[in-house]
C-alpha cells in the first residue's frame, strides 16, 4: 500500500503536519481536558475515542485527499492542537452534505493567542489552492464565543441553526469567492 502523503504547512508561528503515532499522548491529553471538550461533545474523550479520532484523521487523507493536521508551535515544537477539514457525514439539518467541514481544537495553553485563526486560515488557503474555491462549513456550539470569532476571522458567516446529537448548534459557511483569509490573525 502506498504511503499517504499529507502536506506540511508553515505559517509565521506554526507548523501544520500530518498526525503521527507519537502525537497520540499529547492529543489525548488535549481531548481529555474538560475545558477543551465543554463545547465539543461536552465530555472528555477516552483513549479508545482518541484512537478512533486519530484513525479517522489519517483515513480522511487516504480516502479524501484532505483531513486534519497536528499543529505545533515553530519556536518550541510544543503541541498546539489540531485543525483541518473533514467529511463527517453528520446527521444534521440542514444537511452539510457535499461541503468540506472545517474544525479546530487547541490545547488550553494555546487559547487566546490567535493560533486557531492562523492555522485554520492556512488550512483554508491550502484547500482553495488544492480544490479551487468551494463552500466550506462548520458547526459551533451556541455558547462558544471564541470559536465563533475564529470562524468570522476566517470568512465564515452563519447560515442556519440546527441540532446535532441533541445539542443546538450554529451553522456557518464560507462561500466561493470569499477573499482568501489573511496570513495572520
N, C-alpha and C. Protein backbone atom coordinates (compact mmCIF):
# COMPACT_ATOMS: atom_id res chain seq x y z
N UNK A 1 0.85 -1.18 0.00
CA UNK A 1 0.00 0.00 0.00
C UNK A 1 0.89 1.24 0.00
N UNK A 2 0.64 2.19 -0.90
CA UNK A 2 1.46 3.40 -0.93
C UNK A 2 1.25 4.25 0.32
N UNK A 3 2.31 4.94 0.71
CA UNK A 3 2.24 5.82 1.88
C UNK A 3 1.34 7.01 1.57
N UNK A 4 0.62 7.45 2.57
CA UNK A 4 -0.23 8.64 2.44
C UNK A 4 0.66 9.86 2.61
N UNK A 5 0.59 10.76 1.66
CA UNK A 5 1.37 11.99 1.73
C UNK A 5 0.45 13.11 2.22
N UNK A 6 0.77 13.63 3.40
CA UNK A 6 0.00 14.73 3.98
C UNK A 6 0.88 15.97 3.90
N UNK A 7 0.41 17.00 3.21
CA UNK A 7 1.25 18.19 3.06
C UNK A 7 1.50 18.89 4.39
N UNK A 8 2.68 19.43 4.54
CA UNK A 8 3.01 20.26 5.70
C UNK A 8 2.84 21.72 5.30
N UNK A 9 2.40 22.52 6.24
CA UNK A 9 2.19 23.95 6.02
C UNK A 9 2.90 24.70 7.13
N UNK A 10 3.66 25.71 6.75
CA UNK A 10 4.28 26.59 7.74
C UNK A 10 3.61 27.95 7.68
N UNK A 11 3.33 28.50 8.84
CA UNK A 11 2.85 29.87 8.96
C UNK A 11 3.93 30.65 9.71
N UNK A 12 3.64 31.87 10.05
CA UNK A 12 4.63 32.67 10.78
C UNK A 12 5.06 32.00 12.08
N UNK A 13 4.09 31.46 12.83
CA UNK A 13 4.39 30.91 14.16
C UNK A 13 4.19 29.41 14.29
N UNK A 14 3.57 28.79 13.29
CA UNK A 14 3.10 27.42 13.43
C UNK A 14 3.56 26.51 12.30
N UNK A 15 3.58 25.22 12.59
CA UNK A 15 3.75 24.19 11.57
C UNK A 15 2.54 23.27 11.66
N UNK A 16 1.92 23.03 10.51
CA UNK A 16 0.82 22.08 10.41
C UNK A 16 1.39 20.87 9.66
N UNK A 17 1.22 19.68 10.24
CA UNK A 17 1.71 18.47 9.59
C UNK A 17 0.77 17.32 9.91
N UNK A 18 0.94 16.24 9.18
CA UNK A 18 0.08 15.08 9.39
C UNK A 18 0.21 14.50 10.78
N UNK A 19 -0.88 13.90 11.27
CA UNK A 19 -0.82 13.25 12.57
C UNK A 19 0.09 12.02 12.55
N UNK A 20 0.78 11.80 13.66
CA UNK A 20 1.69 10.67 13.81
C UNK A 20 1.37 9.94 15.10
N UNK A 21 1.80 8.70 15.19
CA UNK A 21 1.59 7.94 16.43
C UNK A 21 2.16 8.65 17.64
N UNK A 22 3.30 9.30 17.46
CA UNK A 22 3.93 9.96 18.62
C UNK A 22 3.15 11.19 19.10
N UNK A 23 2.15 11.63 18.35
CA UNK A 23 1.29 12.74 18.79
C UNK A 23 0.18 12.27 19.72
N UNK A 24 -0.01 10.96 19.80
CA UNK A 24 -1.20 10.42 20.47
C UNK A 24 -1.35 10.92 21.90
N UNK A 25 -0.31 10.84 22.71
CA UNK A 25 -0.45 11.19 24.14
C UNK A 25 -0.79 12.67 24.32
N UNK A 26 -0.16 13.54 23.52
CA UNK A 26 -0.46 14.98 23.64
C UNK A 26 -1.88 15.28 23.16
N UNK A 27 -2.28 14.62 22.08
CA UNK A 27 -3.65 14.82 21.59
C UNK A 27 -4.66 14.27 22.59
N UNK A 28 -4.35 13.12 23.18
CA UNK A 28 -5.24 12.53 24.18
C UNK A 28 -5.37 13.45 25.40
N UNK A 29 -4.26 14.04 25.83
CA UNK A 29 -4.31 14.98 26.96
C UNK A 29 -5.21 16.16 26.62
N UNK A 30 -5.10 16.68 25.39
CA UNK A 30 -5.94 17.81 24.99
C UNK A 30 -7.42 17.39 24.97
N UNK A 31 -7.73 16.29 24.29
CA UNK A 31 -9.11 15.84 24.16
C UNK A 31 -9.66 15.31 25.48
N UNK A 32 -8.80 15.03 26.45
CA UNK A 32 -9.24 14.58 27.76
C UNK A 32 -9.49 15.72 28.73
N UNK A 33 -9.24 16.94 28.30
CA UNK A 33 -9.39 18.12 29.16
C UNK A 33 -10.82 18.65 29.08
N UNK A 34 -11.53 18.72 30.21
CA UNK A 34 -12.91 19.22 30.19
C UNK A 34 -13.05 20.64 29.64
N UNK A 35 -12.01 21.47 29.81
CA UNK A 35 -12.05 22.83 29.27
C UNK A 35 -12.10 22.80 27.74
N UNK A 36 -11.40 21.85 27.14
CA UNK A 36 -11.36 21.72 25.69
C UNK A 36 -12.68 21.15 25.16
N UNK A 37 -13.23 20.17 25.83
CA UNK A 37 -14.38 19.45 25.30
C UNK A 37 -15.74 20.01 25.73
N UNK A 38 -15.75 21.04 26.55
CA UNK A 38 -17.06 21.52 27.04
C UNK A 38 -17.99 21.94 25.91
N UNK A 39 -17.45 22.42 24.79
CA UNK A 39 -18.28 22.80 23.64
C UNK A 39 -18.21 21.79 22.51
N UNK A 40 -17.45 20.71 22.70
CA UNK A 40 -17.31 19.69 21.67
C UNK A 40 -17.73 18.36 22.28
N UNK A 41 -18.99 18.12 22.30
CA UNK A 41 -19.50 16.87 22.86
C UNK A 41 -19.74 16.88 24.35
N UNK A 42 -19.14 17.85 25.05
CA UNK A 42 -19.43 18.03 26.46
C UNK A 42 -18.72 17.10 27.43
N UNK A 43 -17.93 16.16 26.93
CA UNK A 43 -17.24 15.26 27.85
C UNK A 43 -15.86 14.91 27.29
N UNK A 44 -14.89 14.73 28.19
CA UNK A 44 -13.55 14.35 27.74
C UNK A 44 -13.56 13.02 26.98
N UNK A 45 -12.64 12.89 26.04
CA UNK A 45 -12.53 11.67 25.25
C UNK A 45 -11.79 10.58 26.03
N UNK A 46 -12.18 9.34 25.79
CA UNK A 46 -11.46 8.19 26.33
C UNK A 46 -10.28 7.89 25.39
N UNK A 47 -9.39 7.03 25.83
CA UNK A 47 -8.28 6.61 24.96
C UNK A 47 -8.82 5.95 23.69
N UNK A 48 -9.86 5.15 23.84
CA UNK A 48 -10.46 4.48 22.68
C UNK A 48 -11.03 5.50 21.69
N UNK A 49 -11.73 6.50 22.18
CA UNK A 49 -12.27 7.54 21.30
C UNK A 49 -11.16 8.33 20.63
N UNK A 50 -10.07 8.60 21.34
CA UNK A 50 -8.95 9.32 20.76
C UNK A 50 -8.29 8.47 19.67
N UNK A 51 -8.17 7.19 19.90
CA UNK A 51 -7.59 6.30 18.90
C UNK A 51 -8.45 6.31 17.63
N UNK A 52 -9.77 6.23 17.79
CA UNK A 52 -10.67 6.28 16.63
C UNK A 52 -10.54 7.62 15.90
N UNK A 53 -10.37 8.70 16.63
CA UNK A 53 -10.20 10.02 16.02
C UNK A 53 -8.91 10.06 15.19
N UNK A 54 -7.81 9.55 15.74
CA UNK A 54 -6.54 9.52 15.02
C UNK A 54 -6.68 8.71 13.73
N UNK A 55 -7.31 7.56 13.81
CA UNK A 55 -7.52 6.75 12.60
C UNK A 55 -8.41 7.47 11.59
N UNK A 56 -9.42 8.17 12.07
CA UNK A 56 -10.31 8.94 11.18
C UNK A 56 -9.52 10.04 10.48
N UNK A 57 -8.65 10.72 11.20
CA UNK A 57 -7.84 11.77 10.59
C UNK A 57 -6.98 11.22 9.46
N UNK A 58 -6.26 10.14 9.74
CA UNK A 58 -5.39 9.54 8.72
C UNK A 58 -6.24 9.00 7.57
N UNK A 59 -7.36 8.40 7.90
CA UNK A 59 -8.26 7.86 6.87
C UNK A 59 -8.80 8.94 5.94
N UNK A 60 -9.09 10.09 6.47
CA UNK A 60 -9.54 11.20 5.63
C UNK A 60 -8.50 11.50 4.55
N UNK A 61 -7.25 11.60 4.96
CA UNK A 61 -6.20 11.91 3.98
C UNK A 61 -6.11 10.81 2.94
N UNK A 62 -6.18 9.56 3.37
CA UNK A 62 -6.05 8.44 2.45
C UNK A 62 -7.21 8.31 1.48
N UNK A 63 -8.42 8.54 1.96
CA UNK A 63 -9.60 8.36 1.12
C UNK A 63 -10.06 9.63 0.41
N UNK A 64 -9.88 10.77 1.05
CA UNK A 64 -10.48 12.00 0.54
C UNK A 64 -9.46 13.00 -0.01
N UNK A 65 -8.19 12.86 0.35
CA UNK A 65 -7.17 13.80 -0.11
C UNK A 65 -7.14 15.08 0.70
N UNK A 66 -7.82 15.10 1.84
CA UNK A 66 -7.79 16.22 2.79
C UNK A 66 -8.08 15.65 4.16
N UNK A 67 -7.84 16.45 5.19
CA UNK A 67 -8.07 15.98 6.54
C UNK A 67 -7.60 16.98 7.57
N UNK A 68 -7.22 16.46 8.72
CA UNK A 68 -6.77 17.30 9.84
C UNK A 68 -5.26 17.21 9.99
N UNK A 69 -4.70 18.33 10.41
CA UNK A 69 -3.28 18.43 10.70
C UNK A 69 -3.07 18.53 12.20
N UNK A 70 -1.92 18.12 12.66
CA UNK A 70 -1.44 18.43 14.00
C UNK A 70 -0.74 19.78 13.89
N UNK A 71 -0.99 20.65 14.83
CA UNK A 71 -0.40 21.99 14.83
C UNK A 71 0.61 22.06 15.96
N UNK A 72 1.81 22.54 15.62
CA UNK A 72 2.86 22.72 16.61
C UNK A 72 3.42 24.13 16.50
N UNK A 73 3.82 24.68 17.63
CA UNK A 73 4.45 25.99 17.65
C UNK A 73 5.87 25.85 17.10
N UNK A 74 6.20 26.68 16.12
CA UNK A 74 7.52 26.59 15.48
C UNK A 74 8.66 26.80 16.47
N UNK A 75 8.56 27.83 17.30
CA UNK A 75 9.69 28.21 18.15
C UNK A 75 10.01 27.18 19.23
N UNK A 76 9.02 26.39 19.65
CA UNK A 76 9.23 25.44 20.75
C UNK A 76 8.96 23.99 20.37
N UNK A 77 8.21 23.76 19.30
CA UNK A 77 7.80 22.41 18.94
C UNK A 77 6.63 21.92 19.77
N UNK A 78 6.11 22.78 20.63
CA UNK A 78 5.03 22.41 21.54
C UNK A 78 3.74 22.11 20.79
N UNK A 79 3.02 21.08 21.25
CA UNK A 79 1.74 20.69 20.66
C UNK A 79 0.72 21.79 20.92
N UNK A 80 0.16 22.35 19.84
CA UNK A 80 -0.84 23.41 19.92
C UNK A 80 -2.24 22.83 19.84
N UNK A 81 -2.46 21.92 18.88
CA UNK A 81 -3.79 21.35 18.70
C UNK A 81 -3.94 20.71 17.34
N UNK A 82 -5.17 20.74 16.83
CA UNK A 82 -5.50 20.13 15.54
C UNK A 82 -6.45 21.04 14.78
N UNK A 83 -6.22 21.16 13.48
CA UNK A 83 -7.13 21.89 12.60
C UNK A 83 -7.22 21.14 11.29
N UNK A 84 -8.31 21.38 10.58
CA UNK A 84 -8.40 20.76 9.26
C UNK A 84 -9.80 20.75 8.71
N UNK A 85 -9.97 19.85 7.75
CA UNK A 85 -11.22 19.71 7.02
C UNK A 85 -11.63 18.25 7.02
N UNK A 86 -12.92 18.02 7.16
CA UNK A 86 -13.41 16.65 7.18
C UNK A 86 -14.69 16.49 6.40
N UNK A 87 -15.03 15.24 6.19
CA UNK A 87 -16.32 14.84 5.64
C UNK A 87 -16.88 13.85 6.65
N UNK A 88 -17.62 14.36 7.63
CA UNK A 88 -18.03 13.55 8.77
C UNK A 88 -19.38 12.87 8.58
N UNK A 89 -20.06 13.17 7.47
CA UNK A 89 -21.37 12.54 7.18
C UNK A 89 -22.32 12.68 8.37
N UNK A 90 -22.34 13.86 8.94
CA UNK A 90 -23.19 14.12 10.11
C UNK A 90 -24.66 14.03 9.75
N UNK A 91 -25.44 13.50 10.68
CA UNK A 91 -26.89 13.50 10.55
C UNK A 91 -27.35 14.79 11.22
N UNK A 92 -27.54 15.83 10.40
CA UNK A 92 -27.85 17.16 10.90
C UNK A 92 -28.70 17.87 9.85
N UNK A 93 -29.60 18.71 10.31
CA UNK A 93 -30.43 19.52 9.40
C UNK A 93 -30.19 20.99 9.70
N UNK A 94 -29.99 21.82 8.69
CA UNK A 94 -29.88 21.41 7.29
C UNK A 94 -28.61 20.60 7.07
N UNK A 95 -28.66 19.77 6.04
CA UNK A 95 -27.55 18.87 5.73
C UNK A 95 -26.29 19.65 5.35
N UNK A 96 -25.15 19.10 5.73
CA UNK A 96 -23.86 19.65 5.33
C UNK A 96 -23.26 18.86 4.17
N UNK A 97 -24.01 17.93 3.66
CA UNK A 97 -23.54 17.03 2.61
C UNK A 97 -22.98 17.79 1.41
N UNK A 98 -21.85 17.32 0.92
CA UNK A 98 -21.24 17.93 -0.25
C UNK A 98 -20.26 19.04 0.06
N UNK A 99 -20.16 19.45 1.31
CA UNK A 99 -19.24 20.53 1.68
C UNK A 99 -18.20 19.98 2.65
N UNK A 100 -16.98 20.44 2.52
CA UNK A 100 -15.95 20.11 3.50
C UNK A 100 -16.28 20.85 4.79
N UNK A 101 -16.04 20.19 5.91
CA UNK A 101 -16.34 20.79 7.21
C UNK A 101 -15.05 21.16 7.92
N UNK A 102 -14.89 22.42 8.22
CA UNK A 102 -13.72 22.92 8.93
C UNK A 102 -13.87 22.65 10.42
N UNK A 103 -12.73 22.41 11.07
CA UNK A 103 -12.73 22.22 12.51
C UNK A 103 -11.39 22.61 13.10
N UNK A 104 -11.42 23.03 14.35
CA UNK A 104 -10.20 23.40 15.07
C UNK A 104 -10.40 23.13 16.55
N UNK A 105 -9.34 22.68 17.18
CA UNK A 105 -9.34 22.44 18.62
C UNK A 105 -7.92 22.66 19.11
N UNK A 106 -7.79 23.41 20.20
CA UNK A 106 -6.47 23.77 20.71
C UNK A 106 -6.33 23.40 22.18
N UNK A 107 -5.10 23.11 22.57
CA UNK A 107 -4.78 22.86 23.98
C UNK A 107 -5.04 24.14 24.78
N UNK A 108 -5.44 24.01 26.03
CA UNK A 108 -5.78 25.20 26.82
C UNK A 108 -4.68 26.26 26.85
N UNK A 109 -3.41 25.86 26.91
CA UNK A 109 -2.33 26.83 26.98
C UNK A 109 -2.30 27.72 25.74
N UNK A 110 -2.83 27.23 24.61
CA UNK A 110 -2.76 27.94 23.34
C UNK A 110 -3.98 28.82 23.06
N UNK A 111 -4.97 28.79 23.93
CA UNK A 111 -6.17 29.60 23.73
C UNK A 111 -5.84 31.09 23.82
N UNK A 112 -6.50 31.89 23.01
CA UNK A 112 -6.38 33.34 23.09
C UNK A 112 -5.13 33.93 22.48
N UNK A 113 -4.36 33.16 21.74
CA UNK A 113 -3.12 33.65 21.14
C UNK A 113 -3.22 33.84 19.63
N UNK A 114 -4.40 33.60 19.06
CA UNK A 114 -4.57 33.73 17.62
C UNK A 114 -4.11 32.52 16.83
N UNK A 115 -3.72 31.44 17.52
CA UNK A 115 -3.24 30.25 16.83
C UNK A 115 -4.33 29.57 15.99
N UNK A 116 -5.55 29.50 16.52
CA UNK A 116 -6.63 28.83 15.77
C UNK A 116 -6.89 29.55 14.45
N UNK A 117 -6.96 30.86 14.50
CA UNK A 117 -7.19 31.64 13.28
C UNK A 117 -6.03 31.47 12.31
N UNK A 118 -4.82 31.58 12.80
CA UNK A 118 -3.64 31.45 11.94
C UNK A 118 -3.61 30.08 11.26
N UNK A 119 -3.83 29.02 12.03
CA UNK A 119 -3.78 27.67 11.47
C UNK A 119 -4.95 27.39 10.54
N UNK A 120 -6.16 27.78 10.93
CA UNK A 120 -7.32 27.50 10.09
C UNK A 120 -7.26 28.29 8.79
N UNK A 121 -6.82 29.53 8.84
CA UNK A 121 -6.68 30.31 7.60
C UNK A 121 -5.67 29.65 6.67
N UNK A 122 -4.58 29.11 7.23
CA UNK A 122 -3.59 28.41 6.40
C UNK A 122 -4.20 27.16 5.78
N UNK A 123 -4.99 26.43 6.55
CA UNK A 123 -5.65 25.23 6.02
C UNK A 123 -6.64 25.60 4.91
N UNK A 124 -7.38 26.67 5.08
CA UNK A 124 -8.34 27.10 4.04
C UNK A 124 -7.63 27.55 2.78
N UNK A 125 -6.50 28.26 2.94
CA UNK A 125 -5.72 28.65 1.75
C UNK A 125 -5.21 27.42 1.01
N UNK A 126 -4.73 26.43 1.77
CA UNK A 126 -4.26 25.20 1.15
C UNK A 126 -5.40 24.52 0.38
N UNK A 127 -6.57 24.41 1.01
CA UNK A 127 -7.72 23.74 0.38
C UNK A 127 -8.13 24.46 -0.89
N UNK A 128 -8.16 25.78 -0.84
CA UNK A 128 -8.54 26.54 -2.03
C UNK A 128 -7.52 26.34 -3.15
N UNK A 129 -6.25 26.29 -2.81
CA UNK A 129 -5.22 26.04 -3.81
C UNK A 129 -5.31 24.64 -4.38
N UNK A 130 -5.71 23.67 -3.57
CA UNK A 130 -5.78 22.27 -3.99
C UNK A 130 -7.08 21.94 -4.73
N UNK A 131 -8.21 22.46 -4.25
CA UNK A 131 -9.52 22.09 -4.78
C UNK A 131 -10.24 23.22 -5.50
N UNK A 132 -9.69 24.43 -5.44
CA UNK A 132 -10.37 25.58 -6.03
C UNK A 132 -11.37 26.14 -5.04
N UNK A 133 -11.98 27.27 -5.41
CA UNK A 133 -12.96 27.88 -4.50
C UNK A 133 -14.18 26.97 -4.34
N UNK A 134 -14.59 26.73 -3.13
CA UNK A 134 -15.78 25.93 -2.86
C UNK A 134 -16.34 26.28 -1.50
N UNK A 135 -17.57 25.89 -1.28
CA UNK A 135 -18.23 26.12 0.01
C UNK A 135 -17.59 25.23 1.08
N UNK A 136 -17.27 25.83 2.23
CA UNK A 136 -16.76 25.11 3.39
C UNK A 136 -17.68 25.49 4.55
N UNK A 137 -17.99 24.54 5.41
CA UNK A 137 -18.91 24.76 6.52
C UNK A 137 -18.26 24.43 7.84
N UNK A 138 -18.89 24.86 8.92
CA UNK A 138 -18.51 24.42 10.26
C UNK A 138 -19.71 24.57 11.18
N UNK A 139 -19.72 23.78 12.25
CA UNK A 139 -20.77 23.90 13.27
C UNK A 139 -20.10 24.27 14.58
N UNK A 140 -20.78 25.14 15.33
CA UNK A 140 -20.20 25.65 16.58
C UNK A 140 -21.31 25.72 17.63
N UNK A 141 -21.01 25.27 18.83
CA UNK A 141 -21.91 25.37 19.96
C UNK A 141 -22.34 26.82 20.14
N UNK A 142 -23.59 27.02 20.50
CA UNK A 142 -24.15 28.37 20.63
C UNK A 142 -23.35 29.26 21.58
N UNK A 143 -22.74 28.66 22.62
CA UNK A 143 -22.05 29.44 23.64
C UNK A 143 -20.55 29.58 23.41
N UNK A 144 -20.03 28.99 22.34
CA UNK A 144 -18.58 29.00 22.12
C UNK A 144 -18.17 30.27 21.37
N UNK A 145 -18.13 31.36 22.10
CA UNK A 145 -17.83 32.67 21.51
C UNK A 145 -16.43 32.73 20.88
N UNK A 146 -15.46 32.07 21.50
CA UNK A 146 -14.09 32.10 20.96
C UNK A 146 -14.05 31.47 19.57
N UNK A 147 -14.72 30.33 19.38
CA UNK A 147 -14.73 29.69 18.06
C UNK A 147 -15.55 30.49 17.05
N UNK A 148 -16.59 31.13 17.51
CA UNK A 148 -17.38 31.97 16.61
C UNK A 148 -16.52 33.12 16.08
N UNK A 149 -15.69 33.69 16.94
CA UNK A 149 -14.77 34.75 16.50
C UNK A 149 -13.77 34.22 15.48
N UNK A 150 -13.23 33.02 15.72
CA UNK A 150 -12.30 32.41 14.76
C UNK A 150 -13.00 32.23 13.42
N UNK A 151 -14.21 31.70 13.45
CA UNK A 151 -14.96 31.47 12.21
C UNK A 151 -15.12 32.78 11.43
N UNK A 152 -15.51 33.84 12.11
CA UNK A 152 -15.68 35.13 11.43
C UNK A 152 -14.37 35.62 10.84
N UNK A 153 -13.28 35.51 11.59
CA UNK A 153 -11.97 35.96 11.09
C UNK A 153 -11.53 35.17 9.86
N UNK A 154 -12.00 33.93 9.76
CA UNK A 154 -11.64 33.07 8.62
C UNK A 154 -12.63 33.20 7.45
N UNK A 155 -13.60 34.10 7.57
CA UNK A 155 -14.52 34.35 6.46
C UNK A 155 -15.82 33.57 6.50
N UNK A 156 -16.12 32.89 7.60
CA UNK A 156 -17.38 32.15 7.73
C UNK A 156 -18.49 33.09 8.20
N UNK A 157 -19.70 32.84 7.74
CA UNK A 157 -20.89 33.57 8.17
C UNK A 157 -21.98 32.58 8.54
N UNK A 158 -22.75 32.88 9.58
CA UNK A 158 -23.83 31.99 9.99
C UNK A 158 -24.87 31.90 8.89
N UNK A 159 -25.33 30.66 8.61
CA UNK A 159 -26.39 30.49 7.62
C UNK A 159 -27.59 29.75 8.18
N UNK A 160 -27.44 29.11 9.33
CA UNK A 160 -28.58 28.39 9.91
C UNK A 160 -28.27 28.01 11.35
N UNK A 161 -29.32 27.54 12.02
CA UNK A 161 -29.17 26.92 13.33
C UNK A 161 -29.74 25.52 13.22
N UNK A 162 -29.11 24.60 13.90
CA UNK A 162 -29.56 23.22 13.84
C UNK A 162 -29.30 22.52 15.15
N UNK A 163 -29.55 21.23 15.16
CA UNK A 163 -29.31 20.42 16.34
C UNK A 163 -28.46 19.23 15.92
N UNK A 164 -27.40 18.98 16.67
CA UNK A 164 -26.55 17.83 16.42
C UNK A 164 -26.37 17.07 17.72
N UNK A 165 -26.72 15.79 17.71
CA UNK A 165 -26.66 14.95 18.91
C UNK A 165 -27.38 15.62 20.08
N UNK A 166 -28.56 16.13 19.79
CA UNK A 166 -29.45 16.76 20.78
C UNK A 166 -28.93 18.06 21.35
N UNK A 167 -27.92 18.65 20.72
CA UNK A 167 -27.38 19.93 21.17
C UNK A 167 -27.59 20.98 20.08
N UNK A 168 -28.09 22.17 20.46
CA UNK A 168 -28.26 23.22 19.45
C UNK A 168 -26.91 23.72 18.95
N UNK A 169 -26.83 23.99 17.66
CA UNK A 169 -25.60 24.43 17.01
C UNK A 169 -25.87 25.61 16.09
N UNK A 170 -24.86 26.45 15.96
CA UNK A 170 -24.86 27.48 14.91
C UNK A 170 -24.10 26.88 13.74
N UNK A 171 -24.62 27.10 12.54
CA UNK A 171 -24.01 26.55 11.34
C UNK A 171 -23.47 27.70 10.50
N UNK A 172 -22.21 27.58 10.10
CA UNK A 172 -21.52 28.63 9.37
C UNK A 172 -21.07 28.10 8.02
N UNK A 173 -20.94 29.01 7.06
CA UNK A 173 -20.40 28.64 5.75
C UNK A 173 -19.46 29.73 5.26
N UNK A 174 -18.51 29.29 4.47
CA UNK A 174 -17.58 30.18 3.77
C UNK A 174 -17.78 29.88 2.30
N UNK A 175 -18.31 30.84 1.58
CA UNK A 175 -18.72 30.62 0.20
C UNK A 175 -17.59 30.87 -0.79
N UNK A 176 -17.65 30.22 -1.96
CA UNK A 176 -16.67 30.52 -3.01
C UNK A 176 -16.69 32.02 -3.30
N UNK A 177 -15.54 32.56 -3.54
CA UNK A 177 -15.44 33.99 -3.81
C UNK A 177 -15.14 34.81 -2.57
N UNK A 178 -15.22 34.18 -1.37
CA UNK A 178 -14.83 34.88 -0.16
C UNK A 178 -13.33 35.16 -0.26
N UNK A 179 -12.91 36.38 0.00
CA UNK A 179 -11.47 36.67 -0.11
C UNK A 179 -10.64 35.69 0.71
N UNK A 180 -9.47 35.37 0.19
CA UNK A 180 -8.58 34.44 0.90
C UNK A 180 -8.29 34.98 2.29
N UNK A 181 -8.29 34.10 3.29
CA UNK A 181 -8.00 34.56 4.64
C UNK A 181 -6.61 35.15 4.74
N UNK A 182 -6.47 36.10 5.64
CA UNK A 182 -5.17 36.75 5.87
C UNK A 182 -4.17 35.73 6.38
N UNK A 183 -2.91 36.03 6.23
CA UNK A 183 -1.85 35.12 6.64
C UNK A 183 -1.76 35.00 8.16
N UNK A 184 -2.07 36.04 8.89
CA UNK A 184 -2.02 36.02 10.33
C UNK A 184 -3.30 36.66 10.87
N UNK A 185 -3.66 36.33 12.13
CA UNK A 185 -4.90 36.87 12.69
C UNK A 185 -4.91 38.38 12.79
